[in-house]
């Protein structure tokens, strides 16, 4: 029977498919996932074929204009993965399919190799939590060799582009066909690499988030490095988590997934404890971070930036012609300007967040990028006592030059560097005694060059407006400790020197304490969370919209937090309100949100969904 009707999914936030009539000349050449050009409202749009039918679903169907692709770029398994992404992350199937195959180029039919055998019965999960110690690259290379021997291909995922060169150098020594895939490549270059992967000409693909969808025909495993990294969470719709997508893909296609980390996320540690993940500890015993704590409350006022212990350690490091790294959480000279007469803070008019102050007399908003000259008088009361509160990299550099005038000091942050890609080479070339900077410096190879690392004010990390701030701070210390040389030192300066992140003496002690707190508060991993965020230019309309969403959700008996203004209430001129859904059964939340979110999204207020949110700011 002729199947001359097709349903099409567009890359739009709509929870339905659209039916079209298929011209007779196209009937034999249309496959599931293939892109077609179809009239939609008053223009032609590219969409994905979802279903073919011989029965006319309704009257007055429009006709498909043309076939954009000569064949479907999707295997059955990748199409099934897109359906799962759509369902789990509450986005349209068109958005999910577009995230897997986003290229604006027609897919030509070729004699591609067939994909690994796939059936509709999902395989048993094989998920390994790998704690490699200092043997990370040995483990990765051994798994690649094993896959190659078995005629299989490997995806190696890293959290950020700057991590790729190190993996690339290590893997190239195996003399295999290596592909590097990331967002900095041009669309044409990425598409060319995608075709090479689809043709089976790539043995190992290394890259960032979107590589999890690589169309390797004989994929044997996925290796996710630093699985705890927040960079694995996609910021645009669909807001997927790479680790979860990798695990689901492995389940669908029947291959193992290895989550490689020396500092497991709390959720992964909890699943390993429950037996959902199998633990492979290659170093025998976990290396727990060791450091010296400086209680800044006990320091003299003049030593609140450089404690007496830190000054002594830096002096000895410089004398030995070695390198000291000073980590400062924030850029600039001061965190904000405060009027001591009226108590107001000078804020960005677009974001309602305090301007960061710089030595050059300029203020910068680090959310929207707005720059202004610092005022001489308070814009609220015209008072003249504007105080610089807090400190950043500029202030630390300024004080370091006074304390260590003979030392070669360099500050490395994005105010100084045009790009962070050549940072390691720059440090090796300049050979500074003291380097000062933000998270840009916390990289494996840079840390390995340093004999001393100091976290200048740990409290900033502990007090981020996020329930996971404590966990992130723990991972941060662990990463530094794992990558330092055996005889190097780590100093942590803090006012809250008795916080359990600093006083814990084992991974288990920290994780158990954090789990205890989250269980009492109903936080993940004990409850699943979905965040519904409303954004718009008019405060009242945004508030009305989130209240409308909340009222609809209350009728479904869902546990809610909020609605409330977001911690960062206004950014880039947009007001922001959110409500958080939580439940022990994640499936209940998805179904509740799916029915509502597509109904309430309007032109003036954008409503978005974030399943398993990493940040709730």
Protein backbone atom coordinates (compact mmCIF):
# COMPACT_ATOMS: atom_id res chain seq x y z
CA UNK A 1 0.00 0.00 0.00
CA UNK A 2 1.29 3.43 -0.93
CA UNK A 3 2.56 5.46 2.02
CA UNK A 4 2.04 8.94 0.64
CA UNK A 5 1.54 10.86 3.91
CA UNK A 6 4.28 11.80 6.35
CA UNK A 7 4.48 13.51 9.75
CA UNK A 8 7.26 16.06 10.19
CA UNK A 9 9.01 17.40 13.32
CA UNK A 10 10.46 20.90 13.17
CA UNK A 11 13.22 22.43 15.28
CA UNK A 12 10.60 24.40 17.21
CA UNK A 13 9.29 24.29 20.82
CA UNK A 14 6.00 22.62 19.83
CA UNK A 15 4.74 19.34 21.25
CA UNK A 16 3.31 17.87 18.06
CA UNK A 17 4.09 16.72 14.53
CA UNK A 18 2.67 18.12 11.29
CA UNK A 19 1.22 15.99 8.51
CA UNK A 20 1.92 16.55 4.82
CA UNK A 21 1.11 14.92 1.51
CA UNK A 22 4.06 13.32 -0.23
CA UNK A 23 4.31 13.84 -4.01
CA UNK A 24 4.39 10.53 -5.91
CA UNK A 25 7.96 11.07 -7.11
CA UNK A 26 9.16 11.09 -3.47
CA UNK A 27 7.19 8.13 -2.11
CA UNK A 28 9.95 5.53 -2.46
CA UNK A 29 12.79 7.74 -1.26
CA UNK A 30 11.73 8.94 2.20
CA UNK A 31 13.16 7.47 5.39
CA UNK A 32 12.67 8.13 9.09
CA UNK A 33 14.86 11.06 10.16
CA UNK A 34 15.39 12.32 6.60
CA UNK A 35 14.97 16.08 6.22
CA UNK A 36 12.37 17.58 3.90
CA UNK A 37 11.37 21.11 2.92
CA UNK A 38 7.76 21.78 3.87
CA UNK A 39 5.49 24.86 3.91
CA UNK A 40 4.94 25.99 7.49
CA UNK A 41 2.70 28.97 8.12
CA UNK A 42 3.94 31.61 5.67
CA UNK A 43 7.36 30.19 4.84
CA UNK A 44 9.20 27.01 3.91
CA UNK A 45 11.03 25.17 6.68
CA UNK A 46 13.29 22.15 6.98
CA UNK A 47 11.90 19.37 9.15
CA UNK A 48 12.58 15.73 10.03
CA UNK A 49 10.40 12.84 8.83
CA UNK A 50 8.93 11.01 11.82
CA UNK A 51 6.35 8.64 10.35
CA UNK A 52 4.90 7.46 7.03
CA UNK A 53 1.27 6.48 6.57
CA UNK A 54 -1.02 5.19 3.85
CA UNK A 55 -4.05 6.69 5.63
CA UNK A 56 -4.86 10.34 5.19
CA UNK A 57 -4.85 11.78 8.75
CA UNK A 58 -6.88 14.90 7.94
CA UNK A 59 -8.25 16.97 5.07
CA UNK A 60 -6.50 19.73 3.12
CA UNK A 61 -2.93 18.64 3.66
CA UNK A 62 -0.13 20.74 2.22
CA UNK A 63 2.42 19.09 -0.02
CA UNK A 64 6.13 18.54 0.67
CA UNK A 65 8.21 20.87 -1.51
CA UNK A 66 11.41 18.83 -1.81
CA UNK A 67 13.68 16.30 -0.13
CA UNK A 68 16.52 18.20 1.53
CA UNK A 69 18.52 14.98 2.17
CA UNK A 70 18.98 12.09 -0.22
CA UNK A 71 18.79 9.65 2.74
CA UNK A 72 18.34 9.72 6.51
CA UNK A 73 21.49 10.65 8.46
CA UNK A 74 20.15 8.75 11.50
CA UNK A 75 20.60 5.12 12.43
CA UNK A 76 17.63 3.49 14.16
CA UNK A 77 19.56 3.66 17.44
CA UNK A 78 20.34 7.39 17.14
CA UNK A 79 16.73 8.12 16.24
CA UNK A 80 15.64 6.20 19.33
CA UNK A 81 18.16 8.19 21.37
CA UNK A 82 16.61 11.42 20.04
CA UNK A 83 13.18 10.20 21.14
CA UNK A 84 14.54 9.57 24.63
CA UNK A 85 16.21 13.03 24.75
CA UNK A 86 12.90 14.60 23.72
CA UNK A 87 10.96 12.71 26.39
CA UNK A 88 13.44 12.99 29.27
CA UNK A 89 14.59 16.59 28.74
CA UNK A 90 11.11 17.87 27.79
CA UNK A 91 11.83 19.29 24.36
CA UNK A 92 10.28 18.65 20.95
CA UNK A 93 11.52 15.72 18.89
CA UNK A 94 12.56 18.22 16.21
CA UNK A 95 14.81 20.02 18.71
CA UNK A 96 16.35 16.71 19.81
CA UNK A 97 16.98 15.55 16.24
CA UNK A 98 18.50 18.92 15.36
CA UNK A 99 20.90 18.69 18.33
CA UNK A 100 22.15 15.34 16.98
CA UNK A 101 22.39 16.46 13.34
CA UNK A 102 22.52 20.30 13.23
CA UNK A 103 24.30 20.72 9.89
CA UNK A 104 22.84 23.01 7.19
CA UNK A 105 24.19 20.79 4.41
CA UNK A 106 22.22 18.13 2.47
CA UNK A 107 23.10 14.57 3.45
CA UNK A 108 24.05 12.62 0.35
CA UNK A 109 23.42 8.91 0.05
CA UNK A 110 26.65 6.87 -0.08
CA UNK A 111 27.69 3.28 0.43
CA UNK A 112 28.17 3.78 4.14
CA UNK A 113 29.11 0.80 6.33
CA UNK A 114 26.18 -0.62 8.29
CA UNK A 115 25.77 0.25 11.96
CA UNK A 116 26.36 -2.25 14.74
CA UNK A 117 23.48 -4.67 15.14
CA UNK A 118 20.60 -3.02 16.95
CA UNK A 119 17.30 -4.39 18.15
CA UNK A 120 14.42 -2.74 19.95
CA UNK A 121 15.19 -4.49 23.25
CA UNK A 122 17.46 -2.28 25.31
CA UNK A 123 20.55 -3.98 26.69
CA UNK A 124 21.58 -4.25 30.29
CA UNK A 125 23.39 -1.15 31.53
CA UNK A 126 27.18 -1.48 31.83
CA UNK A 127 28.36 1.63 33.59
CA UNK A 128 31.77 1.85 35.21
CA UNK A 129 32.92 4.57 37.59
CA UNK A 130 36.70 4.59 37.03
CA UNK A 131 39.00 6.18 39.61
CA UNK A 132 42.37 6.09 37.83
CA UNK A 133 44.59 8.03 40.22
CA UNK A 134 47.62 9.14 38.18
CA UNK A 135 47.03 6.37 35.62
CA UNK A 136 44.27 8.18 33.69
CA UNK A 137 46.00 8.22 30.34
CA UNK A 138 47.29 4.67 30.76
CA UNK A 139 43.71 3.55 31.29
CA UNK A 140 42.32 5.52 28.33
CA UNK A 141 45.03 4.26 25.98
CA UNK A 142 44.61 0.65 27.11
CA UNK A 143 40.84 0.80 26.45
CA UNK A 144 41.43 2.29 22.99
CA UNK A 145 43.89 -0.50 22.15
CA UNK A 146 41.39 -3.10 23.35
CA UNK A 147 38.62 -1.61 21.21
CA UNK A 148 40.92 -1.45 18.16
CA UNK A 149 41.80 -5.14 18.56
CA UNK A 150 38.08 -5.96 18.55
CA UNK A 151 37.37 -3.85 15.47
CA UNK A 152 35.46 -1.25 17.48
CA UNK A 153 35.55 2.55 17.62
CA UNK A 154 35.76 4.80 20.67
CA UNK A 155 34.36 8.17 21.73
CA UNK A 156 36.53 10.07 24.24
CA UNK A 157 34.71 13.01 25.82
CA UNK A 158 36.41 15.90 27.62
CA UNK A 159 34.70 18.79 29.44
CA UNK A 160 36.30 21.68 27.56
CA UNK A 161 38.19 22.41 24.36
CA UNK A 162 41.41 23.25 26.23
CA UNK A 163 41.55 19.64 27.46
CA UNK A 164 41.67 18.20 23.93
CA UNK A 165 45.36 18.82 22.94
CA UNK A 166 46.74 16.72 25.81
CA UNK A 167 44.50 13.76 24.93
CA UNK A 168 45.28 14.29 21.26
CA UNK A 169 49.05 14.05 21.86
CA UNK A 170 48.69 10.91 23.97
CA UNK A 171 46.37 9.12 21.51
CA UNK A 172 48.32 10.07 18.38
CA UNK A 173 51.17 7.91 19.69
CA UNK A 174 49.02 4.84 19.01
CA UNK A 175 49.14 5.56 15.25
CA UNK A 176 45.40 5.24 14.69
CA UNK A 177 42.88 7.37 12.81
CA UNK A 178 41.97 10.16 15.22
CA UNK A 179 39.24 12.76 14.82
CA UNK A 180 38.94 15.93 16.94
CA UNK A 181 35.46 17.42 17.16
CA UNK A 182 34.37 20.62 18.95
CA UNK A 183 32.39 23.82 18.53
CA UNK A 184 35.33 26.02 17.49
CA UNK A 185 35.57 24.19 14.16
CA UNK A 186 33.65 25.68 11.24
CA UNK A 187 30.28 24.04 10.39
CA UNK A 188 31.79 22.71 7.13
CA UNK A 189 34.79 21.21 8.96
CA UNK A 190 32.57 19.59 11.58
CA UNK A 191 30.30 18.16 8.89
CA UNK A 192 33.29 16.76 6.99
CA UNK A 193 34.48 15.08 10.19
CA UNK A 194 30.94 13.79 10.85
CA UNK A 195 30.97 12.15 7.41
CA UNK A 196 34.36 10.55 8.10
CA UNK A 197 32.98 9.12 11.33
CA UNK A 198 29.87 7.85 9.54
CA UNK A 199 32.06 6.24 6.87
CA UNK A 200 33.95 4.34 9.58
CA UNK A 201 37.25 6.10 8.79
CA UNK A 202 37.76 7.33 12.36
CA UNK A 203 38.94 4.88 15.04
CA UNK A 204 38.85 7.31 17.96
CA UNK A 205 36.95 10.60 18.22
CA UNK A 206 37.96 13.10 20.92
CA UNK A 207 35.83 16.13 21.69
CA UNK A 208 33.33 17.97 23.80
CA UNK A 209 29.59 17.64 24.48
CA UNK A 210 27.98 17.11 21.07
CA UNK A 211 30.44 14.33 20.21
CA UNK A 212 28.29 12.04 22.36
CA UNK A 213 26.04 11.76 19.26
CA UNK A 214 28.90 10.77 16.89
CA UNK A 215 27.64 8.35 14.17
CA UNK A 216 30.42 5.77 14.53
CA UNK A 217 29.11 2.61 12.84
CA UNK A 218 30.96 0.15 15.11
CA UNK A 219 31.08 2.00 18.40
CA UNK A 220 32.59 -0.07 21.21
CA UNK A 221 32.58 2.29 24.19
CA UNK A 222 32.33 5.88 25.43
CA UNK A 223 34.91 7.27 27.88
CA UNK A 224 33.76 10.40 29.79
CA UNK A 225 36.69 12.17 31.44
CA UNK A 226 36.13 14.28 34.58
CA UNK A 227 32.51 13.17 34.72
CA UNK A 228 31.86 15.55 37.61
CA UNK A 229 32.44 18.63 35.42
CA UNK A 230 29.52 21.03 35.07
CA UNK A 231 30.64 21.69 31.48
CA UNK A 232 28.91 18.47 30.47
CA UNK A 233 25.54 20.15 30.95
CA UNK A 234 24.20 21.70 27.73
CA UNK A 235 23.04 25.29 28.25
CA UNK A 236 20.71 25.50 25.24
CA UNK A 237 17.60 23.43 24.55
CA UNK A 238 17.67 20.47 24.83
CA UNK A 239 19.54 20.93 28.11
CA UNK A 240 20.95 17.44 28.23
CA UNK A 241 23.65 16.06 30.49
CA UNK A 242 26.36 14.29 28.47
CA UNK A 243 26.89 11.57 31.07
CA UNK A 244 23.20 10.63 31.08
CA UNK A 245 23.02 10.67 27.27
CA UNK A 246 26.15 8.52 27.01
CA UNK A 247 24.70 6.01 29.46
CA UNK A 248 21.38 5.88 27.61
CA UNK A 249 23.14 5.45 24.27
CA UNK A 250 25.23 2.62 25.70
CA UNK A 251 22.06 1.01 26.98
CA UNK A 252 20.38 1.27 23.56
CA UNK A 253 23.36 0.09 21.51
CA UNK A 254 24.81 -2.39 23.99
CA UNK A 255 28.25 -0.98 24.74
CA UNK A 256 29.89 -0.02 28.07
CA UNK A 257 30.31 3.56 29.32
CA UNK A 258 33.26 4.52 31.51
CA UNK A 259 32.94 7.59 33.76
CA UNK A 260 36.56 8.47 34.49
CA UNK A 261 37.23 10.69 37.50
CA UNK A 262 39.30 11.08 40.64
CA UNK A 263 36.52 13.10 42.24
CA UNK A 264 33.12 11.51 41.48
CA UNK A 265 30.02 13.68 41.43
CA UNK A 266 27.84 13.05 44.46
CA UNK A 267 25.15 11.48 42.26
CA UNK A 268 27.66 9.05 40.70
CA UNK A 269 29.17 8.16 44.08
CA UNK A 270 25.67 7.49 45.42
CA UNK A 271 24.80 5.25 42.45
CA UNK A 272 28.07 3.36 42.87
CA UNK A 273 27.26 2.86 46.53
CA UNK A 274 23.86 1.43 45.56
CA UNK A 275 25.46 -0.90 43.03
CA UNK A 276 24.07 0.83 39.92
CA UNK A 277 27.61 1.70 38.78
CA UNK A 278 30.54 -0.68 39.07
CA UNK A 279 33.65 0.93 40.60
CA UNK A 280 37.12 0.41 39.12
CA UNK A 281 39.74 1.93 41.43
CA UNK A 282 43.03 1.64 39.52
CA UNK A 283 45.27 3.30 42.09
CA UNK A 284 44.37 0.85 44.84
CA UNK A 285 43.65 3.51 47.45
CA UNK A 286 42.03 6.89 46.82
CA UNK A 287 44.34 9.83 47.26
CA UNK A 288 42.55 12.29 49.51
CA UNK A 289 43.47 15.95 49.07
CA UNK A 290 45.98 17.25 51.61
CA UNK A 291 46.47 20.93 52.31
CA UNK A 292 47.26 23.48 55.00
CA UNK A 293 44.40 25.64 56.22
CA UNK A 294 44.89 29.29 57.15
CA UNK A 295 42.18 30.81 59.37
CA UNK A 296 41.97 34.41 58.12
CA UNK A 297 40.04 35.46 61.25
CA UNK A 298 43.25 35.01 63.22
CA UNK A 299 45.41 37.00 60.83
CA UNK A 300 46.32 40.63 61.31
CA UNK A 301 44.30 42.99 59.14
CA UNK A 302 47.30 43.73 56.90
CA UNK A 303 47.67 39.98 56.24
CA UNK A 304 44.07 39.29 55.21
CA UNK A 305 45.07 38.81 51.55
CA UNK A 306 48.52 37.30 52.05
CA UNK A 307 48.63 35.45 55.37
CA UNK A 308 51.94 35.21 57.20
CA UNK A 309 52.22 31.49 56.31
CA UNK A 310 51.56 32.17 52.63
CA UNK A 311 54.12 34.98 52.53
CA UNK A 312 56.73 32.66 54.01
CA UNK A 313 55.89 29.84 51.55
CA UNK A 314 55.99 32.14 48.52
CA UNK A 315 59.34 33.60 49.59
CA UNK A 316 60.89 30.11 49.84
CA UNK A 317 59.37 29.04 46.51
CA UNK A 318 60.78 32.09 44.72
CA UNK A 319 64.20 31.59 46.32
CA UNK A 320 64.28 28.02 44.95
CA UNK A 321 63.47 29.34 41.46
CA UNK A 322 60.17 27.44 41.47
CA UNK A 323 56.64 28.57 40.61
CA UNK A 324 53.82 29.62 42.94
CA UNK A 325 50.23 29.75 41.67
CA UNK A 326 47.73 32.04 43.41
CA UNK A 327 44.12 31.19 42.61
CA UNK A 328 41.66 34.08 42.93
CA UNK A 329 37.98 33.30 42.24
CA UNK A 330 37.24 36.66 40.63
CA UNK A 331 38.78 39.10 38.18
CA UNK A 332 39.18 42.85 38.70
CA UNK A 333 40.42 44.92 41.62
CA UNK A 334 37.32 44.94 43.84
CA UNK A 335 34.09 42.94 43.75
CA UNK A 336 31.90 46.06 43.90
CA UNK A 337 31.66 49.71 44.96
CA UNK A 338 29.62 50.43 48.09
CA UNK A 339 28.59 53.83 49.40
CA UNK A 340 29.38 54.01 53.12
CA UNK A 341 26.91 56.88 53.52
CA UNK A 342 23.71 55.29 52.13
CA UNK A 343 24.76 51.63 51.91
CA UNK A 344 23.86 51.21 48.23
CA UNK A 345 25.95 49.20 45.77
CA UNK A 346 26.64 50.55 42.27
CA UNK A 347 24.84 48.04 40.04
CA UNK A 348 24.50 47.23 36.36
CA UNK A 349 21.18 48.69 35.12
CA UNK A 350 20.67 45.69 32.80
CA UNK A 351 21.41 42.93 35.32
CA UNK A 352 20.89 44.46 38.79
CA UNK A 353 24.26 42.95 39.82
CA UNK A 354 27.13 44.89 41.35
CA UNK A 355 29.69 46.18 38.86
CA UNK A 356 33.21 44.74 39.22
CA UNK A 357 35.74 47.57 39.77
CA UNK A 358 39.07 47.72 37.87
CA UNK A 359 42.23 49.71 38.60
CA UNK A 360 41.90 51.64 35.34
CA UNK A 361 38.84 53.34 36.88
CA UNK A 362 36.39 51.25 34.88
CA UNK A 363 33.43 49.17 36.06
CA UNK A 364 32.41 45.98 34.23
CA UNK A 365 29.32 43.79 34.50
CA UNK A 366 30.48 40.19 34.03
CA UNK A 367 27.02 39.05 32.98
CA UNK A 368 26.21 41.34 30.06
CA UNK A 369 29.62 42.95 29.48
CA UNK A 370 28.46 46.55 30.06
CA UNK A 371 31.37 48.87 30.82
CA UNK A 372 31.22 52.27 32.55
CA UNK A 373 33.57 54.76 34.12
CA UNK A 374 33.53 54.46 37.89
CA UNK A 375 31.64 57.37 39.49
CA UNK A 376 33.37 59.81 41.83
CA UNK A 377 30.18 60.30 43.86
CA UNK A 378 27.38 57.90 44.79
CA UNK A 379 24.67 57.90 42.07
CA UNK A 380 22.00 57.42 44.78
CA UNK A 381 22.85 59.98 47.49
CA UNK A 382 25.78 61.91 45.93
CA UNK A 383 27.97 60.86 48.85
CA UNK A 384 31.72 60.87 48.25
CA UNK A 385 32.69 57.83 50.32
CA UNK A 386 32.61 55.01 47.78
CA UNK A 387 34.43 51.98 49.18
CA UNK A 388 36.00 49.17 47.18
CA UNK A 389 34.68 45.93 48.72
CA UNK A 390 36.33 42.54 48.25
CA UNK A 391 39.20 41.80 45.91
CA UNK A 392 40.05 40.10 42.66
CA UNK A 393 43.07 39.22 40.55
CA UNK A 394 44.16 42.85 40.03
CA UNK A 395 44.21 43.54 43.76
CA UNK A 396 46.20 40.36 44.49
CA UNK A 397 48.70 41.27 41.77
CA UNK A 398 48.99 44.81 43.17
CA UNK A 399 49.72 43.51 46.70
CA UNK A 400 52.07 40.76 45.45
CA UNK A 401 54.26 43.30 43.67
CA UNK A 402 54.60 45.25 46.91
CA UNK A 403 55.45 42.16 48.98
CA UNK A 404 57.73 40.45 46.47
CA UNK A 405 59.35 43.25 44.41
CA UNK A 406 62.15 41.00 43.10
CA UNK A 407 59.85 38.25 41.87
CA UNK A 408 58.71 37.86 38.27
CA UNK A 409 54.92 38.12 38.60
CA UNK A 410 52.36 37.47 35.87
CA UNK A 411 48.58 37.71 35.97
CA UNK A 412 46.71 35.43 33.57
CA UNK A 413 43.01 36.03 33.13
CA UNK A 414 40.77 36.98 30.19
CA UNK A 415 41.38 40.66 30.88
CA UNK A 416 45.03 40.05 29.95
CA UNK A 417 44.81 37.13 27.52
CA UNK A 418 43.05 37.28 24.17
CA UNK A 419 42.62 33.51 24.28
CA UNK A 420 43.31 30.80 26.85
CA UNK A 421 44.37 28.27 24.19
CA UNK A 422 48.07 29.26 24.34
CA UNK A 423 48.20 29.77 28.12
CA UNK A 424 50.41 26.77 28.89
CA UNK A 425 52.95 27.75 26.22
CA UNK A 426 52.95 31.33 27.53
CA UNK A 427 53.71 30.19 31.08
CA UNK A 428 56.50 27.89 29.90
CA UNK A 429 57.98 30.66 27.78
CA UNK A 430 57.82 33.43 30.40
CA UNK A 431 58.77 31.19 33.38
CA UNK A 432 57.25 33.48 36.06
CA UNK A 433 57.95 33.04 39.78
CA UNK A 434 54.36 33.85 40.73
CA UNK A 435 51.30 33.38 38.54
CA UNK A 436 47.94 34.85 39.51
CA UNK A 437 44.61 34.00 37.94
CA UNK A 438 41.16 32.48 38.01
CA UNK A 439 39.85 29.04 36.96
CA UNK A 440 41.82 29.32 33.71
CA UNK A 441 44.91 28.24 35.63
CA UNK A 442 43.37 25.12 37.18
CA UNK A 443 44.46 22.78 34.41
CA UNK A 444 46.36 19.49 34.80
CA UNK A 445 49.50 20.55 32.94
CA UNK A 446 49.71 24.01 34.56
CA UNK A 447 49.29 22.59 38.07
CA UNK A 448 52.05 20.07 37.40
CA UNK A 449 54.49 22.97 36.86
CA UNK A 450 53.85 24.50 40.29
CA UNK A 451 55.53 23.82 43.63
CA UNK A 452 53.04 25.90 45.57
CA UNK A 453 49.33 26.56 44.99
CA UNK A 454 47.27 28.87 47.19
CA UNK A 455 43.51 29.32 47.17
CA UNK A 456 43.37 32.96 48.27
CA UNK A 457 39.77 33.06 49.58
CA UNK A 458 38.00 29.69 49.71
CA UNK A 459 34.81 31.18 51.20
CA UNK A 460 33.83 32.60 47.79
CA UNK A 461 33.52 29.05 46.41
CA UNK A 462 31.57 27.84 49.44
CA UNK A 463 29.03 30.65 49.25
CA UNK A 464 27.94 30.57 45.63
CA UNK A 465 24.11 30.78 45.37
CA UNK A 466 23.69 27.08 44.55
CA UNK A 467 22.95 24.02 46.68
CA UNK A 468 25.84 22.19 45.01
CA UNK A 469 28.40 24.89 45.92
CA UNK A 470 29.93 22.74 48.66
CA UNK A 471 30.35 19.78 46.30
CA UNK A 472 31.91 21.98 43.61
CA UNK A 473 34.37 23.40 46.17
CA UNK A 474 35.33 19.85 47.18
CA UNK A 475 35.95 18.81 43.56
CA UNK A 476 38.02 21.95 43.06
CA UNK A 477 40.39 21.13 45.93
CA UNK A 478 40.61 17.52 44.87
CA UNK A 479 41.53 18.43 41.28
CA UNK A 480 44.37 20.67 42.46
CA UNK A 481 45.67 18.06 44.88
CA UNK A 482 45.55 15.24 42.31
CA UNK A 483 47.63 17.16 39.77
CA UNK A 484 50.31 18.64 42.00
CA UNK A 485 53.75 17.11 42.15
CA UNK A 486 54.44 14.84 45.13
CA UNK A 487 56.54 17.44 46.96
CA UNK A 488 54.28 20.43 46.18
CA UNK A 489 52.15 22.32 48.70
CA UNK A 490 48.54 23.48 48.72
CA UNK A 491 47.43 26.28 51.05
CA UNK A 492 43.76 27.17 51.56
CA UNK A 493 42.90 30.54 53.11
CA UNK A 494 39.39 30.84 54.56
CA UNK A 495 37.36 32.63 57.20
CA UNK A 496 35.16 29.55 57.66
CA UNK A 497 38.13 27.29 58.33
CA UNK A 498 36.03 24.68 60.19
CA UNK A 499 33.71 23.93 57.24
CA UNK A 500 33.33 20.18 56.68
CA UNK A 501 34.84 20.45 53.18
CA UNK A 502 38.08 21.47 54.87
CA UNK A 503 37.89 19.21 57.93
CA UNK A 504 36.83 15.94 56.21
CA UNK A 505 39.57 13.31 56.27
CA UNK A 506 38.23 10.93 53.62
CA UNK A 507 36.01 10.91 50.53
CA UNK A 508 33.46 8.85 52.43
CA UNK A 509 33.33 11.34 55.30
CA UNK A 510 32.63 14.24 52.95
CA UNK A 511 30.10 12.40 50.75
CA UNK A 512 28.20 10.96 53.73
CA UNK A 513 27.94 14.40 55.35
CA UNK A 514 26.77 16.01 52.10
CA UNK A 515 24.23 13.20 51.49
CA UNK A 516 22.88 13.61 55.01
CA UNK A 517 22.22 17.31 54.43
CA UNK A 518 20.64 16.78 51.01
CA UNK A 519 18.35 14.02 52.28
CA UNK A 520 16.97 16.27 55.02
CA UNK A 521 16.38 19.10 52.51
CA UNK A 522 14.96 16.91 49.72
CA UNK A 523 17.76 17.68 47.27
CA UNK A 524 19.17 15.39 44.54
CA UNK A 525 20.03 12.52 44.48
CA UNK A 526 17.13 11.74 46.84
CA UNK A 527 14.63 13.65 44.75
CA UNK A 528 14.64 14.51 41.06
CA UNK A 529 14.40 18.19 40.18
CA UNK A 530 13.06 20.06 37.19
CA UNK A 531 13.42 23.82 36.96
CA UNK A 532 10.91 25.90 35.02
CA UNK A 533 12.37 29.32 34.22
CA UNK A 534 10.44 32.34 32.92
CA UNK A 535 12.33 35.26 31.37
CA UNK A 536 11.17 38.51 29.83
CA UNK A 537 11.68 42.25 29.57
CA UNK A 538 8.65 43.21 31.70
CA UNK A 539 8.81 42.20 35.34
CA UNK A 540 5.05 41.99 35.94
CA UNK A 541 4.42 39.80 32.90
CA UNK A 542 7.23 37.40 33.87
CA UNK A 543 5.87 37.13 37.40
CA UNK A 544 2.34 36.52 36.12
CA UNK A 545 3.60 33.79 33.78
CA UNK A 546 5.49 31.87 36.47
CA UNK A 547 2.46 32.14 38.77
CA UNK A 548 0.28 30.74 35.96
CA UNK A 549 2.68 27.81 35.55
CA UNK A 550 2.69 27.23 39.30
CA UNK A 551 -1.10 27.16 39.57
CA UNK A 552 -1.32 24.57 36.79
CA UNK A 553 1.35 22.44 38.48
CA UNK A 554 -0.38 22.61 41.87
CA UNK A 555 -3.42 20.91 40.34
CA UNK A 556 -1.19 17.91 39.55
CA UNK A 557 -0.11 17.50 43.19
CA UNK A 558 3.57 18.07 42.41
CA UNK A 559 5.94 19.14 45.20
CA UNK A 560 7.20 22.63 44.44
CA UNK A 561 9.84 25.09 45.58
CA UNK A 562 8.72 28.61 44.73
CA UNK A 563 7.84 30.41 42.60
CA UNK A 564 10.48 32.99 43.41
CA UNK A 565 12.86 35.44 41.77
CA UNK A 566 16.06 33.74 40.59
CA UNK A 567 19.23 34.38 42.64
CA UNK A 568 20.38 36.46 39.66
CA UNK A 569 17.04 38.17 39.23
CA UNK A 570 17.86 40.32 36.22
CA UNK A 571 20.49 39.60 33.56
CA UNK A 572 21.00 41.26 30.18
CA UNK A 573 17.81 43.28 30.62
CA UNK A 574 15.63 40.21 31.28
CA UNK A 575 13.74 39.60 34.51
CA UNK A 576 13.87 36.00 35.76
CA UNK A 577 11.55 33.93 37.95
CA UNK A 578 11.61 30.19 38.48
CA UNK A 579 9.77 27.34 40.16
CA UNK A 580 11.38 23.99 40.98
CA UNK A 581 9.49 20.70 40.77
CA UNK A 582 10.71 17.78 42.87
CA UNK A 583 9.64 14.19 43.28
CA UNK A 584 11.12 10.79 44.09
CA UNK A 585 9.82 9.52 40.72
CA UNK A 586 11.38 11.57 37.90
CA UNK A 587 8.80 10.28 35.39
CA UNK A 588 6.00 12.08 37.23
CA UNK A 589 7.76 15.42 36.77
CA UNK A 590 8.37 15.10 33.04
CA UNK A 591 4.75 14.25 32.32
CA UNK A 592 3.47 17.12 34.45
CA UNK A 593 5.74 19.69 32.82
CA UNK A 594 5.23 18.44 29.28
CA UNK A 595 1.49 19.07 29.39
CA UNK A 596 1.92 22.62 30.65
CA UNK A 597 5.07 24.24 29.29
CA UNK A 598 4.03 24.28 25.63
CA UNK A 599 0.69 25.88 26.56
CA UNK A 600 2.15 28.85 28.42
CA UNK A 601 5.14 29.92 26.31
CA UNK A 602 4.44 33.27 24.70
CA UNK A 603 6.24 35.92 22.69
CA UNK A 604 6.88 38.38 25.50
CA UNK A 605 7.84 35.77 28.11
CA UNK A 606 10.04 32.79 27.34
CA UNK A 607 9.41 29.68 29.45
CA UNK A 608 12.15 27.05 29.54
CA UNK A 609 12.61 23.65 31.18
CA UNK A 610 15.81 22.34 32.74
CA UNK A 611 15.72 18.69 33.84
CA UNK A 612 18.32 17.79 36.50
CA UNK A 613 19.58 21.39 36.67
CA UNK A 614 23.27 21.81 37.47
CA UNK A 615 22.95 25.48 38.40
CA UNK A 616 19.82 27.13 39.79
CA UNK A 617 21.02 30.71 39.59
